[in-house]
Amino acid sequence: MADQSSNSAQAAQSDKGYWQANLRLIYISLAIWALVSFGFGILLRPLLSGIAIGGTDLGFWFAQQGSILVFLVLIFNYAWRMNKLDAEYGVDEE
C-alpha cells in the first residue's frame, strides 16, 4: 500500500514538472511573439524607421512580414521542444 502511494506521489510530481516546463515554454514563446509583433511592429516602429531592409524600413517590415516569420519559427521551435519534453517525461508518441 505504501509503495502504491509513493508511486502515485512520484507520478504527480512528474506531471507537475512536465506542466511547469510546458507552461514556461508557452510563456517564453508568447513573450517573444508579443515583443516582435506588438513591440517591434507598433511601439518601436518610429525608432526602427531609419534602418532599411528589403527596400522599406525595418519597423514596417516587422509589422508586415517579420512578425509572421517569427511566429512560424516559434511554432516549429515549440513543436521541436515539446517533442523533446515529451520524450524526457515519457509521454511521447511512439
N, C-alpha and C. Protein backbone atom coordinates (compact mmCIF):
# COMPACT_ATOMS: atom_id res chain seq x y z
N MET A 1 0.82 -1.19 0.00
CA MET A 1 0.00 0.00 0.00
C MET A 1 0.86 1.26 0.00
N ALA A 2 1.93 1.26 0.80
CA ALA A 2 2.81 2.42 0.86
C ALA A 2 3.54 2.61 -0.45
N ASP A 3 3.87 1.50 -1.12
CA ASP A 3 4.56 1.57 -2.41
C ASP A 3 3.67 2.22 -3.47
N GLN A 4 2.37 1.88 -3.42
CA GLN A 4 1.44 2.45 -4.39
C GLN A 4 1.26 3.95 -4.17
N SER A 5 1.19 4.39 -2.92
CA SER A 5 1.04 5.83 -2.66
C SER A 5 2.33 6.56 -2.99
N SER A 6 3.47 5.90 -2.84
CA SER A 6 4.76 6.50 -3.22
C SER A 6 4.84 6.69 -4.73
N ASN A 7 4.40 5.68 -5.48
CA ASN A 7 4.37 5.79 -6.94
C ASN A 7 3.40 6.86 -7.40
N SER A 8 2.27 6.97 -6.72
CA SER A 8 1.28 7.98 -7.07
C SER A 8 1.83 9.39 -6.82
N ALA A 9 2.53 9.56 -5.70
CA ALA A 9 3.12 10.87 -5.39
C ALA A 9 4.23 11.20 -6.38
N GLN A 10 5.00 10.19 -6.77
CA GLN A 10 6.07 10.42 -7.74
C GLN A 10 5.50 10.77 -9.11
N ALA A 11 4.41 10.12 -9.49
CA ALA A 11 3.76 10.43 -10.78
C ALA A 11 3.18 11.84 -10.76
N ALA A 12 2.59 12.23 -9.63
CA ALA A 12 2.04 13.58 -9.52
C ALA A 12 3.15 14.63 -9.61
N GLN A 13 4.29 14.35 -9.00
CA GLN A 13 5.42 15.27 -9.06
C GLN A 13 5.95 15.37 -10.48
N SER A 14 6.00 14.23 -11.19
CA SER A 14 6.46 14.22 -12.58
C SER A 14 5.50 15.01 -13.48
N ASP A 15 4.19 14.81 -13.25
CA ASP A 15 3.19 15.56 -14.01
C ASP A 15 3.31 17.05 -13.77
N LYS A 16 3.54 17.42 -12.51
CA LYS A 16 3.69 18.84 -12.17
C LYS A 16 4.92 19.43 -12.86
N GLY A 17 6.03 18.70 -12.87
CA GLY A 17 7.24 19.17 -13.54
C GLY A 17 7.04 19.31 -15.04
N TYR A 18 6.31 18.37 -15.62
CA TYR A 18 6.02 18.41 -17.06
C TYR A 18 5.22 19.66 -17.40
N TRP A 19 4.17 19.92 -16.64
CA TRP A 19 3.32 21.07 -16.94
C TRP A 19 4.03 22.39 -16.65
N GLN A 20 4.89 22.42 -15.64
CA GLN A 20 5.66 23.64 -15.39
C GLN A 20 6.60 23.93 -16.55
N ALA A 21 7.25 22.89 -17.06
CA ALA A 21 8.14 23.08 -18.21
C ALA A 21 7.35 23.49 -19.44
N ASN A 22 6.17 22.90 -19.63
CA ASN A 22 5.31 23.23 -20.76
C ASN A 22 4.85 24.69 -20.67
N LEU A 23 4.39 25.10 -19.51
CA LEU A 23 3.94 26.48 -19.34
C LEU A 23 5.07 27.48 -19.49
N ARG A 24 6.27 27.13 -19.00
CA ARG A 24 7.42 28.01 -19.17
C ARG A 24 7.72 28.21 -20.65
N LEU A 25 7.65 27.14 -21.43
CA LEU A 25 7.88 27.23 -22.87
C LEU A 25 6.80 28.09 -23.55
N ILE A 26 5.57 27.94 -23.13
CA ILE A 26 4.47 28.74 -23.69
C ILE A 26 4.66 30.22 -23.35
N TYR A 27 5.00 30.52 -22.10
CA TYR A 27 5.17 31.91 -21.69
C TYR A 27 6.33 32.58 -22.42
N ILE A 28 7.42 31.86 -22.60
CA ILE A 28 8.56 32.42 -23.34
C ILE A 28 8.18 32.68 -24.78
N SER A 29 7.47 31.73 -25.40
CA SER A 29 7.04 31.90 -26.79
C SER A 29 6.09 33.09 -26.93
N LEU A 30 5.16 33.23 -25.99
CA LEU A 30 4.23 34.36 -26.04
C LEU A 30 4.95 35.70 -25.85
N ALA A 31 5.93 35.72 -24.97
CA ALA A 31 6.68 36.96 -24.75
C ALA A 31 7.46 37.36 -26.00
N ILE A 32 8.09 36.39 -26.65
CA ILE A 32 8.82 36.69 -27.89
C ILE A 32 7.85 37.16 -28.96
N TRP A 33 6.71 36.48 -29.10
CA TRP A 33 5.73 36.85 -30.11
C TRP A 33 5.20 38.26 -29.85
N ALA A 34 4.89 38.60 -28.59
CA ALA A 34 4.38 39.92 -28.27
C ALA A 34 5.43 41.00 -28.52
N LEU A 35 6.68 40.71 -28.15
CA LEU A 35 7.74 41.68 -28.38
C LEU A 35 7.93 41.97 -29.86
N VAL A 36 7.93 40.92 -30.66
CA VAL A 36 8.17 41.11 -32.10
C VAL A 36 6.97 41.74 -32.78
N SER A 37 5.78 41.22 -32.53
CA SER A 37 4.61 41.74 -33.27
C SER A 37 4.14 43.09 -32.74
N PHE A 38 3.98 43.21 -31.44
CA PHE A 38 3.47 44.45 -30.88
C PHE A 38 4.59 45.45 -30.63
N GLY A 39 5.69 44.96 -30.06
CA GLY A 39 6.79 45.85 -29.73
C GLY A 39 7.49 46.41 -30.94
N PHE A 40 8.04 45.53 -31.77
CA PHE A 40 8.79 45.99 -32.94
C PHE A 40 7.88 46.55 -34.03
N GLY A 41 6.71 45.95 -34.21
CA GLY A 41 5.82 46.38 -35.29
C GLY A 41 5.04 47.63 -35.00
N ILE A 42 4.77 47.93 -33.72
CA ILE A 42 3.93 49.09 -33.39
C ILE A 42 4.67 50.09 -32.50
N LEU A 43 5.10 49.65 -31.33
CA LEU A 43 5.69 50.58 -30.36
C LEU A 43 7.05 51.12 -30.79
N LEU A 44 7.90 50.25 -31.31
CA LEU A 44 9.26 50.67 -31.68
C LEU A 44 9.39 51.01 -33.16
N ARG A 45 8.28 51.08 -33.86
CA ARG A 45 8.34 51.37 -35.29
C ARG A 45 9.02 52.69 -35.61
N PRO A 46 8.73 53.78 -34.89
CA PRO A 46 9.44 55.04 -35.20
C PRO A 46 10.96 54.94 -35.00
N LEU A 47 11.39 54.17 -34.01
CA LEU A 47 12.83 54.03 -33.79
C LEU A 47 13.50 53.18 -34.88
N LEU A 48 12.74 52.24 -35.43
CA LEU A 48 13.29 51.34 -36.45
C LEU A 48 13.13 51.87 -37.87
N SER A 49 12.50 53.02 -38.02
CA SER A 49 12.22 53.53 -39.36
C SER A 49 13.47 53.97 -40.12
N GLY A 50 14.55 54.23 -39.42
CA GLY A 50 15.78 54.65 -40.09
C GLY A 50 16.59 53.52 -40.67
N ILE A 51 16.26 52.29 -40.31
CA ILE A 51 17.01 51.11 -40.78
C ILE A 51 16.27 50.52 -41.98
N ALA A 52 16.97 50.44 -43.11
CA ALA A 52 16.33 49.93 -44.33
C ALA A 52 16.60 48.43 -44.49
N ILE A 53 15.55 47.71 -44.86
CA ILE A 53 15.68 46.28 -45.16
C ILE A 53 14.69 45.95 -46.28
N GLY A 54 15.18 45.35 -47.33
CA GLY A 54 14.32 44.95 -48.45
C GLY A 54 13.59 46.10 -49.11
N GLY A 55 14.17 47.28 -49.14
CA GLY A 55 13.52 48.41 -49.80
C GLY A 55 12.55 49.19 -48.93
N THR A 56 12.38 48.82 -47.70
CA THR A 56 11.48 49.53 -46.79
C THR A 56 12.13 49.62 -45.42
N ASP A 57 11.51 50.36 -44.51
CA ASP A 57 12.12 50.48 -43.18
C ASP A 57 11.84 49.24 -42.33
N LEU A 58 12.69 49.03 -41.33
CA LEU A 58 12.63 47.82 -40.52
C LEU A 58 11.34 47.72 -39.71
N GLY A 59 10.82 48.83 -39.21
CA GLY A 59 9.57 48.81 -38.46
C GLY A 59 8.40 48.34 -39.30
N PHE A 60 8.31 48.82 -40.53
CA PHE A 60 7.25 48.38 -41.44
C PHE A 60 7.43 46.90 -41.77
N TRP A 61 8.69 46.48 -41.98
CA TRP A 61 8.96 45.08 -42.31
C TRP A 61 8.50 44.16 -41.18
N PHE A 62 8.80 44.54 -39.92
CA PHE A 62 8.35 43.73 -38.79
C PHE A 62 6.84 43.68 -38.71
N ALA A 63 6.18 44.81 -38.96
CA ALA A 63 4.74 44.85 -38.88
C ALA A 63 4.08 44.01 -39.97
N GLN A 64 4.68 43.95 -41.15
CA GLN A 64 4.06 43.26 -42.27
C GLN A 64 4.54 41.82 -42.46
N GLN A 65 5.83 41.57 -42.32
CA GLN A 65 6.36 40.25 -42.62
C GLN A 65 7.15 39.64 -41.48
N GLY A 66 7.90 40.43 -40.79
CA GLY A 66 8.80 39.91 -39.76
C GLY A 66 8.07 39.19 -38.65
N SER A 67 6.96 39.74 -38.19
CA SER A 67 6.22 39.09 -37.11
C SER A 67 5.64 37.75 -37.56
N ILE A 68 5.23 37.65 -38.81
CA ILE A 68 4.70 36.39 -39.33
C ILE A 68 5.82 35.35 -39.41
N LEU A 69 6.99 35.75 -39.88
CA LEU A 69 8.11 34.81 -39.97
C LEU A 69 8.56 34.36 -38.59
N VAL A 70 8.62 35.28 -37.65
CA VAL A 70 8.99 34.91 -36.28
C VAL A 70 7.94 33.98 -35.69
N PHE A 71 6.67 34.22 -35.97
CA PHE A 71 5.59 33.36 -35.50
C PHE A 71 5.76 31.94 -36.04
N LEU A 72 6.09 31.80 -37.31
CA LEU A 72 6.33 30.48 -37.89
C LEU A 72 7.52 29.78 -37.23
N VAL A 73 8.58 30.52 -36.98
CA VAL A 73 9.75 29.95 -36.30
C VAL A 73 9.36 29.51 -34.88
N LEU A 74 8.55 30.30 -34.21
CA LEU A 74 8.10 29.93 -32.87
C LEU A 74 7.26 28.65 -32.88
N ILE A 75 6.43 28.48 -33.89
CA ILE A 75 5.61 27.26 -34.00
C ILE A 75 6.50 26.04 -34.14
N PHE A 76 7.47 26.08 -35.05
CA PHE A 76 8.34 24.93 -35.25
C PHE A 76 9.23 24.70 -34.03
N ASN A 77 9.70 25.77 -33.40
CA ASN A 77 10.51 25.63 -32.19
C ASN A 77 9.69 25.00 -31.06
N TYR A 78 8.44 25.42 -30.91
CA TYR A 78 7.57 24.86 -29.87
C TYR A 78 7.34 23.37 -30.11
N ALA A 79 7.06 22.99 -31.34
CA ALA A 79 6.83 21.57 -31.65
C ALA A 79 8.08 20.75 -31.38
N TRP A 80 9.25 21.25 -31.77
CA TRP A 80 10.50 20.54 -31.54
C TRP A 80 10.80 20.40 -30.05
N ARG A 81 10.63 21.51 -29.30
CA ARG A 81 10.90 21.48 -27.87
C ARG A 81 9.90 20.60 -27.12
N MET A 82 8.63 20.60 -27.56
CA MET A 82 7.63 19.75 -26.90
C MET A 82 7.91 18.28 -27.17
N ASN A 83 8.38 17.94 -28.34
CA ASN A 83 8.75 16.55 -28.61
C ASN A 83 9.88 16.11 -27.69
N LYS A 84 10.87 16.99 -27.48
CA LYS A 84 11.96 16.68 -26.55
C LYS A 84 11.44 16.56 -25.12
N LEU A 85 10.54 17.45 -24.73
CA LEU A 85 9.98 17.43 -23.39
C LEU A 85 9.13 16.18 -23.18
N ASP A 86 8.34 15.81 -24.17
CA ASP A 86 7.54 14.58 -24.09
C ASP A 86 8.42 13.35 -23.91
N ALA A 87 9.51 13.29 -24.66
CA ALA A 87 10.43 12.16 -24.55
C ALA A 87 11.11 12.15 -23.18
N GLU A 88 11.42 13.32 -22.66
CA GLU A 88 12.08 13.41 -21.35
C GLU A 88 11.18 12.89 -20.23
N TYR A 89 9.88 13.19 -20.31
CA TYR A 89 8.93 12.78 -19.26
C TYR A 89 8.20 11.49 -19.61
N GLY A 90 8.54 10.87 -20.73
CA GLY A 90 7.96 9.58 -21.09
C GLY A 90 6.52 9.61 -21.55
N VAL A 91 6.09 10.72 -22.11
CA VAL A 91 4.72 10.82 -22.61
C VAL A 91 4.69 11.01 -24.12
N ASP A 92 5.78 10.64 -24.77
CA ASP A 92 5.87 10.83 -26.22
C ASP A 92 5.10 9.75 -26.95
N GLU A 93 4.74 10.09 -28.19
CA GLU A 93 4.06 9.14 -29.06
C GLU A 93 5.11 8.30 -29.77
N GLU A 94 4.88 7.02 -29.79
CA GLU A 94 5.86 6.14 -30.42
C GLU A 94 5.38 5.63 -31.74
